[in-house]
């Protein structure tokens, strides 16, 4: 899910949580470096080295709501959004990791009308 697909209220909530996370980051790095955290309003709701285990626990406890789940690290990573209400077995995409093979279509230019949608 990307920012483009979120409703304005959800986006505002997640942007606020990300800003709070960024402000708390120096303290979080000291305590949770390398761990994934479920973060809300300046509090760590849960944490784990394994993101999937964390999200499953968070889903069981908080079920139908959005939560910011971030990895605490010293460098900046892209925002990752998980809505725990839509799946009993959520799947995650870690930015930067790809699996599988790329076909030739990947290297062909997009049609002009599709290209304009991305601008």
Foldseek 3Di string as FASTA:
>chain_A
DDPVPDDPVQNVQVVVQVVLCVVCLVVCCVPQAQWKFFTDPNDTPDIDNDPQVVLLVCCVVVNADWTFIDHRHDDDDDGFTDGRNPDNRDDGDGPPDDDDDDDPVVVDDDPPVVVVVVD
